[in-house]
Amino acid sequence: MDYDLKKILDNRNLDIHKCIKSTDDIMQQLAADVYAGTHIDQLQVALISSVMNVSDLYRCKKFSILLLKSALAQLESESFVESGRKLN
């Protein structure tokens, strides 16, 4: 299965500019929380919990699963690049 985030967004016909605006809004709030002393791990748990809650409330679990798998694949790929290990 292809977990390319750009392809997923294109397939859903999402407006990338609106996605960026939403991301910017969320990142500003996160920066304020970090500045106020909130631990990074707490923020990550809150973000994942929010994704899970939204997927439940709006009945979009399949899309949320695909999105989270794609994000995980990208993070793992970046982790291998950073560490110098091979993917195979």
Protein backbone atom coordinates (compact mmCIF):
# COMPACT_ATOMS: atom_id res chain seq x y z
CA MET A 1 0.00 0.00 0.00
CA ASP A 2 1.23 3.48 -0.88
CA TYR A 3 1.50 5.77 2.14
CA ASP A 4 2.62 8.92 0.33
CA LEU A 5 0.98 11.82 2.18
CA LYS A 6 0.95 14.08 -0.89
CA LYS A 7 -0.88 11.44 -2.93
CA ILE A 8 -3.37 10.90 -0.12
CA LEU A 9 -4.13 14.62 0.02
CA ASP A 10 -4.46 14.77 -3.77
CA ASN A 11 -6.79 11.76 -3.82
CA ARG A 12 -9.03 13.41 -1.22
CA ASN A 13 -9.10 16.68 -3.21
CA LEU A 14 -8.01 18.61 -0.14
CA ASP A 15 -7.02 22.24 -0.51
CA ILE A 16 -3.35 22.22 0.47
CA HIS A 17 -3.49 25.93 1.38
CA LYS A 18 -6.30 25.28 3.87
CA CYS A 19 -4.32 22.35 5.29
CA ILE A 20 -1.28 24.59 5.69
CA LYS A 21 -3.39 27.31 7.35
CA SER A 22 -4.85 24.77 9.80
CA THR A 23 -1.37 23.43 10.51
CA ASP A 24 -0.05 26.93 11.13
CA ASP A 25 -2.91 27.62 13.57
CA ILE A 26 -2.25 24.38 15.45
CA MET A 27 1.51 24.97 15.53
CA GLN A 28 1.00 28.46 16.99
CA GLN A 29 -1.09 26.98 19.80
CA LEU A 30 1.50 24.25 20.39
CA ALA A 31 4.28 26.83 20.53
CA ALA A 32 2.30 28.77 23.14
CA ASP A 33 1.79 25.57 25.16
CA VAL A 34 5.51 24.72 24.98
CA TYR A 35 6.38 28.25 26.04
CA ALA A 36 3.96 27.85 28.98
CA GLY A 37 5.87 24.73 30.04
CA THR A 38 3.85 21.88 28.56
CA HIS A 39 6.01 18.80 27.93
CA ILE A 40 6.46 17.82 24.25
CA ASP A 41 5.35 14.22 24.93
CA GLN A 42 2.07 15.50 26.39
CA LEU A 43 1.45 17.55 23.26
CA GLN A 44 2.10 14.57 21.00
CA VAL A 45 -0.31 12.41 22.99
CA ALA A 46 -2.91 15.20 22.81
CA LEU A 47 -2.50 15.50 19.04
CA ILE A 48 -2.90 11.76 18.45
CA SER A 49 -5.87 11.68 20.82
CA SER A 50 -7.41 14.53 18.86
CA VAL A 51 -7.01 12.64 15.58
CA MET A 52 -8.65 9.59 17.15
CA ASN A 53 -11.52 11.67 18.57
CA VAL A 54 -12.15 13.46 15.27
CA SER A 55 -12.13 10.16 13.38
CA ASP A 56 -14.69 8.78 15.81
CA LEU A 57 -16.93 11.86 15.87
CA TYR A 58 -16.97 12.31 12.10
CA ARG A 59 -16.87 8.62 11.20
CA CYS A 60 -13.71 8.89 9.13
CA LYS A 61 -11.69 6.11 10.72
CA LYS A 62 -10.41 4.63 7.45
CA PHE A 63 -8.99 7.98 6.37
CA SER A 64 -7.47 8.56 9.81
CA ILE A 65 -5.84 5.13 9.75
CA LEU A 66 -4.41 5.78 6.30
CA LEU A 67 -3.20 9.21 7.38
CA LEU A 68 -1.54 7.88 10.55
CA LYS A 69 0.08 4.98 8.67
CA SER A 70 1.42 7.45 6.13
CA ALA A 71 2.79 9.70 8.84
CA LEU A 72 4.41 6.71 10.55
CA ALA A 73 5.99 5.54 7.28
CA GLN A 74 7.41 9.01 6.69
CA LEU A 75 8.75 9.28 10.25
CA GLU A 76 10.36 5.84 10.04
CA SER A 77 11.94 6.70 6.70
CA GLU A 78 13.34 9.95 8.09
CA SER A 79 14.59 8.11 11.16
CA PHE A 80 16.54 5.65 9.01
CA VAL A 81 18.06 8.50 7.02
CA GLU A 82 19.07 10.33 10.21
CA SER A 83 20.59 7.22 11.77
CA GLY A 84 22.30 6.04 8.59
CA ARG A 85 20.69 2.59 8.81
CA LYS A 86 19.29 0.82 5.77
CA LEU A 87 15.56 0.21 5.29
CA ASN A 88 15.94 -3.42 4.15
